[in-house]
Amino acid sequence: MESLPMKFLRVPGYCALALLLSSGAASASESFVATIKLFPSPQEILSKLGTTTRWKAKGPATSTEDPSSPSVGLSLAPPFLKECGFRSFWQENLAWARQSVSVQIFELGDSSGAFSFYSILNSPEGHPQEPGDLSSSTPNDLWLWQANLVVHITDPNHSGKVQPQLLEIGKELSKLIRQRAELPNIVKQLPLRNQISGSARYALGPQGFENFKVPLHGSPLGLGLGAEISTAKYQFDDRTGQLLLINYPTPQMARKYMASMQDPRSLLMNSGSSESVYVKRTGPIIAVVFGPLTGPEANKLLEVIHYTANLTWDEPPPGEEIAAYLRNVKHSFMLTGVLLLITIGVGVIYGLIRVAVKRWVPMAIFDRPEDVELTQLKLWEKPSPTPPPTGTRAP
């Protein structure tokens, strides 16, 4: 049968366990709520859009997770959409003062997949605008990329008169999305000088490369092994060339595929073409310039492509390491001393309590006879002589 003090000792343990579990559940729920608030869904964005602008929804928003659905209206192959991480498509029609616009939101897996999707669908004749991480517009539509979302705002009447309204809605959507993203590093490597506006494209693999529509074979480049690709067109006088950058996961992979390009012209789909091909490798990046360009013009593009490895030393120097070790030893001694003082203090207090109770409390609380069991060796007593065995004679 358990004693009363043991039962009382278990009660605080149960309370502490319940408190720990409740605090853990509360922190988990708070973390989940914070995640939802940090990444608003397209449905939440569209629902707030009708309350923050003068534009009102003409009906409920529609959605689908099937990229081949007719409502999506995309001519892109499903493998490319899978490569971009397509999640869902949302559409809502807005109206104000006899004007109407259509808002489409494409939700992708991450910002890289969203930018690849945006760069392929973006109209080349579009002009950069303010909303979002990147956007471009024509008189009848606005493309906007921000975080993992791509927004397409269109004028269904194609009147060409609502471009200011498209920008107004785009800016409001950008505020509702909140989070931001940066261009992929391989896109930042594209030279800006002589680059044709709106020609930059980005892909996460071979499916996106197929949408570049470049006259090059993709299979010898090993694009299906985690390589990122970016491309842009460049104008030199009356000649237009194109630069293709391939970023492999490791420099060893880039060296391997570079060694297989003994003849760069073997990359051309049309072996009889008069186009020139120039190749350069720097770190994990292979740069390919092709088109009717001269050698100096191609070198102007290739010479600005550089890869710089950034090394981070995360170990402290020896002096700091020794100082940290001595601090740890010092703190260990201090902790041991504090625990020793606490132990001595608790023992003294317990002893004083026992003495006080035995002196001033009439009944026996400590050292009751029925609770005291001592094993005594009695070493001070002499052993009794052992009697001789029966049937023997003592000497």
Protein backbone atom coordinates (compact mmCIF):
# COMPACT_ATOMS: atom_id res chain seq x y z
CA MET A 1 0.00 0.00 0.00
CA GLU A 2 1.40 3.39 -0.95
CA SER A 3 2.20 5.84 1.80
CA LEU A 4 0.49 9.22 1.94
CA PRO A 5 3.61 11.28 1.11
CA MET A 6 4.17 9.28 -2.11
CA LYS A 7 0.63 10.05 -3.27
CA PHE A 8 1.16 13.71 -2.60
CA LEU A 9 4.43 13.63 -4.51
CA ARG A 10 2.68 12.22 -7.60
CA VAL A 11 0.11 15.04 -7.75
CA PRO A 12 2.62 17.78 -8.68
CA GLY A 13 4.09 15.44 -11.32
CA TYR A 14 0.67 14.95 -12.95
CA CYS A 15 0.06 18.71 -12.85
CA ALA A 16 3.45 19.44 -14.41
CA LEU A 17 2.83 16.86 -17.17
CA ALA A 18 -0.60 18.32 -17.95
CA LEU A 19 0.86 21.83 -18.02
CA LEU A 20 3.65 20.71 -20.35
CA LEU A 21 1.23 19.01 -22.76
CA SER A 22 -1.16 21.96 -22.78
CA SER A 23 1.67 24.45 -23.40
CA GLY A 24 3.03 22.24 -26.18
CA ALA A 25 -0.38 22.01 -27.83
CA ALA A 26 -0.85 25.76 -27.49
CA SER A 27 2.55 26.51 -29.01
CA ALA A 28 1.89 24.07 -31.86
CA SER A 29 -1.49 25.66 -32.60
CA GLU A 30 0.07 29.13 -32.46
CA SER A 31 2.80 28.01 -34.85
CA PHE A 32 0.19 26.59 -37.23
CA VAL A 33 -1.85 29.79 -37.12
CA ALA A 34 1.30 31.85 -37.71
CA THR A 35 2.11 29.72 -40.75
CA ILE A 36 -1.36 30.23 -42.17
CA LYS A 37 -1.08 33.99 -41.64
CA LEU A 38 2.42 34.11 -43.12
CA PHE A 39 1.35 32.39 -46.35
CA PRO A 40 -2.16 33.57 -47.24
CA SER A 41 -4.05 31.34 -49.64
CA PRO A 42 -5.43 32.62 -52.96
CA GLN A 43 -8.93 32.22 -51.55
CA GLU A 44 -8.10 34.50 -48.62
CA ILE A 45 -6.50 37.05 -50.95
CA LEU A 46 -9.54 37.17 -53.24
CA SER A 47 -11.94 37.44 -50.32
CA LYS A 48 -10.04 40.42 -48.90
CA LEU A 49 -9.71 42.07 -52.31
CA GLY A 50 -13.44 42.81 -52.41
CA THR A 51 -13.29 44.61 -49.05
CA THR A 52 -10.20 46.76 -49.67
CA THR A 53 -10.96 48.13 -53.14
CA ARG A 54 -13.90 49.69 -54.93
CA TRP A 55 -14.06 46.61 -57.16
CA LYS A 56 -16.65 44.05 -56.06
CA ALA A 57 -16.93 40.39 -56.97
CA LYS A 58 -19.61 39.53 -59.51
CA GLY A 59 -19.90 36.03 -58.07
CA PRO A 60 -18.05 33.42 -56.00
CA ALA A 61 -14.46 32.60 -56.88
CA THR A 62 -13.88 29.34 -58.74
CA SER A 63 -10.90 27.05 -58.26
CA THR A 64 -9.40 23.82 -59.52
CA GLU A 65 -6.31 21.72 -58.85
CA ASP A 66 -6.39 20.18 -62.34
CA PRO A 67 -4.02 22.11 -64.66
CA SER A 68 -5.68 20.56 -67.72
CA SER A 69 -9.10 21.96 -66.78
CA PRO A 70 -10.69 24.15 -69.50
CA SER A 71 -11.19 26.93 -66.95
CA VAL A 72 -7.42 27.28 -66.57
CA GLY A 73 -7.01 27.87 -70.29
CA LEU A 74 -3.32 26.93 -70.44
CA SER A 75 -1.66 25.44 -73.50
CA LEU A 76 1.36 24.29 -71.47
CA ALA A 77 2.15 20.61 -71.09
CA PRO A 78 1.28 18.98 -67.73
CA PRO A 79 4.92 17.82 -67.20
CA PHE A 80 6.05 21.45 -67.25
CA LEU A 81 3.36 22.43 -64.74
CA LYS A 82 4.44 19.55 -62.52
CA GLU A 83 8.05 20.72 -62.80
CA CYS A 84 6.95 24.17 -61.60
CA GLY A 85 5.00 22.66 -58.69
CA PHE A 86 1.48 23.64 -59.84
CA ARG A 87 -0.95 23.50 -56.89
CA SER A 88 -4.17 25.32 -57.73
CA PHE A 89 -5.85 27.87 -59.97
CA TRP A 90 -8.31 30.52 -58.76
CA GLN A 91 -10.44 32.94 -60.77
CA GLU A 92 -12.82 35.76 -59.84
CA ASN A 93 -14.57 38.43 -61.90
CA LEU A 94 -14.72 41.98 -60.54
CA ALA A 95 -16.92 44.89 -61.57
CA TRP A 96 -17.03 48.64 -60.92
CA ALA A 97 -18.80 51.49 -62.75
CA ARG A 98 -19.79 49.38 -65.77
CA GLN A 99 -16.26 48.07 -66.06
CA SER A 100 -15.21 44.48 -65.43
CA VAL A 101 -11.91 42.66 -65.06
CA SER A 102 -10.95 39.03 -64.49
CA VAL A 103 -8.39 38.06 -61.82
CA GLN A 104 -6.60 34.72 -62.13
CA ILE A 105 -4.19 33.43 -59.46
CA PHE A 106 -1.86 30.50 -60.11
CA GLU A 107 -0.46 28.92 -56.94
CA LEU A 108 2.92 27.19 -57.38
CA GLY A 109 5.10 25.16 -55.04
CA ASP A 110 7.72 27.85 -54.35
CA SER A 111 9.03 31.16 -55.65
CA SER A 112 11.45 29.52 -58.13
CA GLY A 113 8.67 27.48 -59.72
CA ALA A 114 6.43 30.56 -59.79
CA PHE A 115 9.08 32.64 -61.57
CA SER A 116 9.68 29.88 -64.12
CA PHE A 117 5.92 29.78 -64.76
CA TYR A 118 5.78 33.59 -64.98
CA SER A 119 8.75 33.88 -67.35
CA ILE A 120 7.28 31.35 -69.79
CA LEU A 121 3.78 32.89 -69.81
CA ASN A 122 4.87 36.52 -69.65
CA SER A 123 4.14 38.48 -72.80
CA PRO A 124 7.46 39.51 -74.44
CA GLU A 125 6.03 42.89 -75.42
CA GLY A 126 5.07 43.69 -71.83
CA HIS A 127 6.63 46.60 -69.95
CA PRO A 128 7.93 46.30 -66.35
CA GLN A 129 5.61 47.78 -63.75
CA GLU A 130 5.68 48.43 -60.03
CA PRO A 131 3.40 45.77 -58.48
CA GLY A 132 4.81 42.48 -57.22
CA ASP A 133 8.35 41.13 -57.32
CA LEU A 134 8.16 41.44 -61.10
CA SER A 135 5.35 42.37 -63.43
CA SER A 136 4.61 43.47 -66.97
CA SER A 137 1.52 44.81 -68.66
CA THR A 138 -0.10 45.40 -72.01
CA PRO A 139 -3.22 47.56 -72.63
CA ASN A 140 -5.45 44.55 -71.92
CA ASP A 141 -3.70 42.50 -69.24
CA LEU A 142 -1.21 42.52 -66.37
CA TRP A 143 1.10 39.67 -65.33
CA LEU A 144 2.41 39.77 -61.76
CA TRP A 145 4.83 37.44 -59.97
CA GLN A 146 5.21 37.59 -56.19
CA ALA A 147 6.44 34.86 -53.83
CA ASN A 148 4.88 31.55 -54.95
CA LEU A 149 1.97 33.16 -56.81
CA VAL A 150 1.49 34.33 -60.39
CA VAL A 151 -1.41 36.72 -61.00
CA HIS A 152 -2.99 37.46 -64.37
CA ILE A 153 -5.44 40.40 -64.52
CA THR A 154 -7.23 40.81 -67.84
CA ASP A 155 -9.84 42.97 -69.50
CA PRO A 156 -12.39 40.49 -70.91
CA ASN A 157 -13.70 43.14 -73.34
CA HIS A 158 -10.23 43.94 -74.73
CA SER A 159 -11.14 47.61 -74.79
CA GLY A 160 -7.61 48.80 -74.05
CA LYS A 161 -8.99 51.49 -71.73
CA VAL A 162 -8.64 49.91 -68.26
CA GLN A 163 -4.87 49.67 -67.93
CA PRO A 164 -4.82 52.10 -64.93
CA GLN A 165 -7.48 49.96 -63.25
CA LEU A 166 -5.41 46.84 -63.86
CA LEU A 167 -2.44 48.47 -62.12
CA GLU A 168 -4.68 49.55 -59.25
CA ILE A 169 -5.85 45.98 -58.65
CA GLY A 170 -2.32 44.65 -59.08
CA LYS A 171 -0.95 46.97 -56.39
CA GLU A 172 -3.70 45.97 -53.97
CA LEU A 173 -3.06 42.27 -54.62
CA SER A 174 0.65 42.81 -53.99
CA LYS A 175 -0.15 44.28 -50.56
CA LEU A 176 -2.39 41.33 -49.70
CA ILE A 177 0.22 38.73 -50.72
CA ARG A 178 2.76 40.44 -48.40
CA GLN A 179 5.76 38.09 -48.67
CA ARG A 180 8.50 38.77 -51.22
CA ALA A 181 11.04 36.76 -53.23
CA GLU A 182 14.23 37.41 -55.16
CA LEU A 183 15.22 36.42 -58.66
CA PRO A 184 17.11 33.11 -58.88
CA ASN A 185 20.88 33.59 -58.87
CA ILE A 186 21.27 32.09 -62.35
CA VAL A 187 18.91 34.77 -63.69
CA LYS A 188 20.94 37.51 -62.00
CA GLN A 189 23.99 36.20 -63.91
CA LEU A 190 22.45 37.24 -67.23
CA PRO A 191 24.19 40.41 -68.48
CA LEU A 192 21.90 43.42 -68.73
CA ARG A 193 23.87 45.24 -71.40
CA ASN A 194 22.40 44.73 -74.90
CA GLN A 195 19.69 42.46 -73.40
CA ILE A 196 16.35 42.63 -75.21
CA SER A 197 13.64 43.65 -72.74
CA GLY A 198 11.23 40.86 -71.83
CA SER A 199 13.38 38.08 -73.30
CA ALA A 200 14.68 36.58 -70.04
CA ARG A 201 13.39 33.09 -69.29
CA TYR A 202 14.02 30.63 -66.44
CA ALA A 203 13.43 26.90 -66.02
CA LEU A 204 13.92 24.27 -63.34
CA GLY A 205 14.57 21.39 -65.72
CA PRO A 206 14.17 19.92 -69.19
CA GLN A 207 10.41 20.60 -69.41
CA GLY A 208 10.94 24.32 -69.02
CA PHE A 209 13.86 24.20 -71.44
CA GLU A 210 11.51 22.83 -74.10
CA ASN A 211 9.41 26.00 -73.73
CA PHE A 212 12.45 28.18 -74.49
CA LYS A 213 12.08 27.19 -78.16
CA VAL A 214 15.86 27.36 -78.72
CA PRO A 215 17.50 25.44 -81.60
CA LEU A 216 19.64 23.35 -79.26
CA HIS A 217 19.55 19.73 -78.13
CA GLY A 218 18.81 19.50 -74.42
CA SER A 219 19.70 15.84 -73.88
CA PRO A 220 23.54 16.28 -74.10
CA LEU A 221 23.35 18.96 -71.39
CA GLY A 222 22.04 16.75 -68.58
CA LEU A 223 19.22 19.10 -67.66
CA GLY A 224 17.26 16.41 -65.82
CA LEU A 225 19.85 16.12 -63.03
CA GLY A 226 18.81 19.14 -60.99
CA ALA A 227 20.19 21.86 -63.27
CA GLU A 228 18.65 25.34 -63.43
CA ILE A 229 18.53 27.14 -66.78
CA SER A 230 18.16 30.79 -67.73
CA THR A 231 18.30 32.47 -71.12
CA ALA A 232 17.93 35.89 -72.74
CA LYS A 233 18.32 37.46 -76.17
CA TYR A 234 20.86 40.19 -77.01
CA GLN A 235 20.99 42.74 -79.79
CA PHE A 236 24.25 43.69 -81.54
CA ASP A 237 23.62 46.14 -84.39
CA ASP A 238 21.42 44.16 -86.78
CA ARG A 239 22.30 40.75 -85.30
CA THR A 240 20.44 38.99 -82.48
CA GLY A 241 22.12 36.32 -80.40
CA GLN A 242 21.04 34.31 -77.39
CA LEU A 243 22.78 33.38 -74.16
CA LEU A 244 21.96 30.17 -72.29
CA LEU A 245 23.19 29.61 -68.72
CA ILE A 246 23.07 26.17 -67.10
CA ASN A 247 23.72 25.95 -63.36
CA TYR A 248 24.56 22.38 -62.27
CA PRO A 249 24.41 21.20 -58.65
CA THR A 250 28.22 20.72 -58.51
CA PRO A 251 31.26 21.94 -60.49
CA GLN A 252 32.17 18.29 -61.18
CA MET A 253 28.94 17.80 -63.15
CA ALA A 254 29.60 20.97 -65.14
CA ARG A 255 33.15 19.78 -65.91
CA LYS A 256 31.81 16.42 -67.07
CA TYR A 257 29.30 17.90 -69.55
CA MET A 258 31.77 20.54 -70.67
CA ALA A 259 34.23 17.80 -71.60
CA SER A 260 31.57 16.16 -73.80
CA MET A 261 31.22 19.38 -75.86
CA GLN A 262 34.35 18.97 -77.95
CA ASP A 263 32.40 20.36 -80.89
CA PRO A 264 29.93 23.02 -79.63
CA ARG A 265 28.11 22.98 -82.97
CA SER A 266 26.92 19.45 -82.17
CA LEU A 267 24.40 21.11 -79.83
CA LEU A 268 22.55 22.64 -82.80
CA MET A 269 19.44 20.81 -83.95
CA ASN A 270 20.15 21.81 -87.54
CA SER A 271 23.70 20.73 -88.28
CA GLY A 272 23.63 22.70 -91.54
CA SER A 273 22.82 25.99 -89.82
CA SER A 274 25.20 28.91 -90.25
CA GLU A 275 24.84 29.97 -86.62
CA SER A 276 27.91 30.02 -84.40
CA VAL A 277 28.11 28.38 -80.96
CA TYR A 278 30.49 29.46 -78.18
CA VAL A 279 30.82 27.65 -74.84
CA LYS A 280 32.42 28.61 -71.52
CA ARG A 281 32.49 27.00 -68.07
CA THR A 282 32.97 28.77 -64.75
CA GLY A 283 32.47 26.73 -61.59
CA PRO A 284 29.13 24.88 -61.84
CA ILE A 285 27.89 27.15 -64.65
CA ILE A 286 28.13 26.44 -68.38
CA ALA A 287 27.42 29.41 -70.67
CA VAL A 288 26.39 28.83 -74.30
CA VAL A 289 26.14 31.68 -76.82
CA PHE A 290 24.57 30.91 -80.18
CA GLY A 291 23.30 32.88 -83.12
CA PRO A 292 24.73 34.89 -86.03
CA LEU A 293 27.27 36.65 -83.80
CA THR A 294 30.95 37.30 -84.30
CA GLY A 295 33.62 36.08 -81.92
CA PRO A 296 34.15 39.48 -80.22
CA GLU A 297 30.40 39.92 -79.73
CA ALA A 298 30.08 36.49 -78.15
CA ASN A 299 33.08 37.19 -75.91
CA LYS A 300 31.38 40.34 -74.63
CA LEU A 301 28.66 38.10 -73.21
CA LEU A 302 30.90 35.30 -71.99
CA GLU A 303 33.52 37.44 -70.28
CA VAL A 304 31.03 38.83 -67.75
CA ILE A 305 29.93 35.35 -66.63
CA HIS A 306 31.88 34.55 -63.48
CA TYR A 307 31.30 32.23 -60.55
CA THR A 308 32.76 33.09 -57.17
CA ALA A 309 32.70 30.43 -54.46
CA ASN A 310 31.86 31.80 -51.01
CA LEU A 311 33.52 29.85 -48.21
CA THR A 312 32.26 30.24 -44.66
CA TRP A 313 34.46 29.24 -41.72
CA ASP A 314 32.11 28.35 -38.89
CA GLU A 315 34.75 27.29 -36.32
CA PRO A 316 36.19 29.82 -33.85
CA PRO A 317 39.94 30.51 -33.91
CA PRO A 318 42.11 28.62 -31.37
CA GLY A 319 42.29 31.55 -28.92
CA GLU A 320 38.51 31.89 -28.75
CA GLU A 321 38.13 28.11 -28.49
CA ILE A 322 40.43 27.95 -25.45
CA ALA A 323 38.65 30.90 -23.83
CA ALA A 324 35.29 29.21 -24.42
CA TYR A 325 36.63 25.99 -22.88
CA LEU A 326 37.85 27.85 -19.77
CA ARG A 327 34.49 29.59 -19.46
CA ASN A 328 32.74 26.21 -19.58
CA VAL A 329 35.04 24.87 -16.82
CA LYS A 330 34.37 27.97 -14.71
CA HIS A 331 30.63 27.65 -15.15
CA SER A 332 30.81 23.93 -14.26
CA PHE A 333 32.56 24.72 -10.96
CA MET A 334 30.06 27.47 -10.21
CA LEU A 335 27.14 25.14 -10.90
CA THR A 336 28.68 22.44 -8.69
CA GLY A 337 29.17 24.95 -5.86
CA VAL A 338 25.60 26.22 -6.11
CA LEU A 339 24.19 22.67 -6.06
CA LEU A 340 26.41 21.81 -3.07
CA LEU A 341 25.20 24.87 -1.15
CA ILE A 342 21.59 24.03 -1.95
CA THR A 343 22.12 20.44 -0.76
CA ILE A 344 23.75 21.55 2.50
CA GLY A 345 21.04 24.15 3.07
CA VAL A 346 18.24 21.63 2.53
CA GLY A 347 19.96 19.15 4.89
CA VAL A 348 20.39 21.75 7.65
CA ILE A 349 16.77 22.89 7.30
CA TYR A 350 15.53 19.30 7.42
CA GLY A 351 17.61 18.60 10.53
CA LEU A 352 16.33 21.72 12.29
CA ILE A 353 12.76 20.74 11.45
CA ARG A 354 13.28 17.27 12.98
CA VAL A 355 14.79 18.72 16.16
CA ALA A 356 12.03 21.29 16.51
CA VAL A 357 9.29 18.74 15.97
CA LYS A 358 10.77 16.29 18.48
CA ARG A 359 11.12 19.09 21.04
CA TRP A 360 7.80 20.90 20.77
CA VAL A 361 5.37 18.36 19.31
CA PRO A 362 4.15 15.95 22.01
CA MET A 363 3.34 13.04 19.70
CA ALA A 364 6.01 11.01 17.97
CA ILE A 365 6.17 11.93 14.29
CA PHE A 366 9.76 10.95 13.52
CA ASP A 367 11.54 7.90 14.95
CA ARG A 368 8.40 5.99 15.93
CA PRO A 369 9.25 2.54 17.28
CA GLU A 370 7.19 0.69 14.68
CA ASP A 371 8.96 2.59 11.84
CA VAL A 372 12.51 2.22 13.17
CA GLU A 373 14.20 -0.99 12.09
CA LEU A 374 17.92 -1.22 12.72
CA THR A 375 20.25 -4.05 11.86
CA GLN A 376 22.91 -4.38 14.57
CA LEU A 377 26.10 -6.41 14.17
CA LYS A 378 26.87 -6.35 17.96
CA LEU A 379 30.60 -6.55 17.39
CA TRP A 380 31.25 -5.60 21.02
CA GLU A 381 29.75 -8.87 22.40
CA LYS A 382 31.96 -11.93 22.86
CA PRO A 383 30.83 -15.03 21.00
CA SER A 384 29.51 -17.86 23.15
CA PRO A 385 31.57 -21.10 23.22
CA THR A 386 30.45 -23.72 20.80
CA PRO A 387 29.42 -26.93 22.57
CA PRO A 388 31.35 -30.06 21.51
CA PRO A 389 29.63 -32.48 19.20
CA THR A 390 27.66 -35.26 20.78
CA GLY A 391 29.61 -38.48 21.30
CA THR A 392 33.07 -36.89 21.52
CA ARG A 393 35.22 -36.28 24.49
CA ALA A 394 36.46 -32.91 25.43
CA PRO A 395 40.24 -32.58 25.83
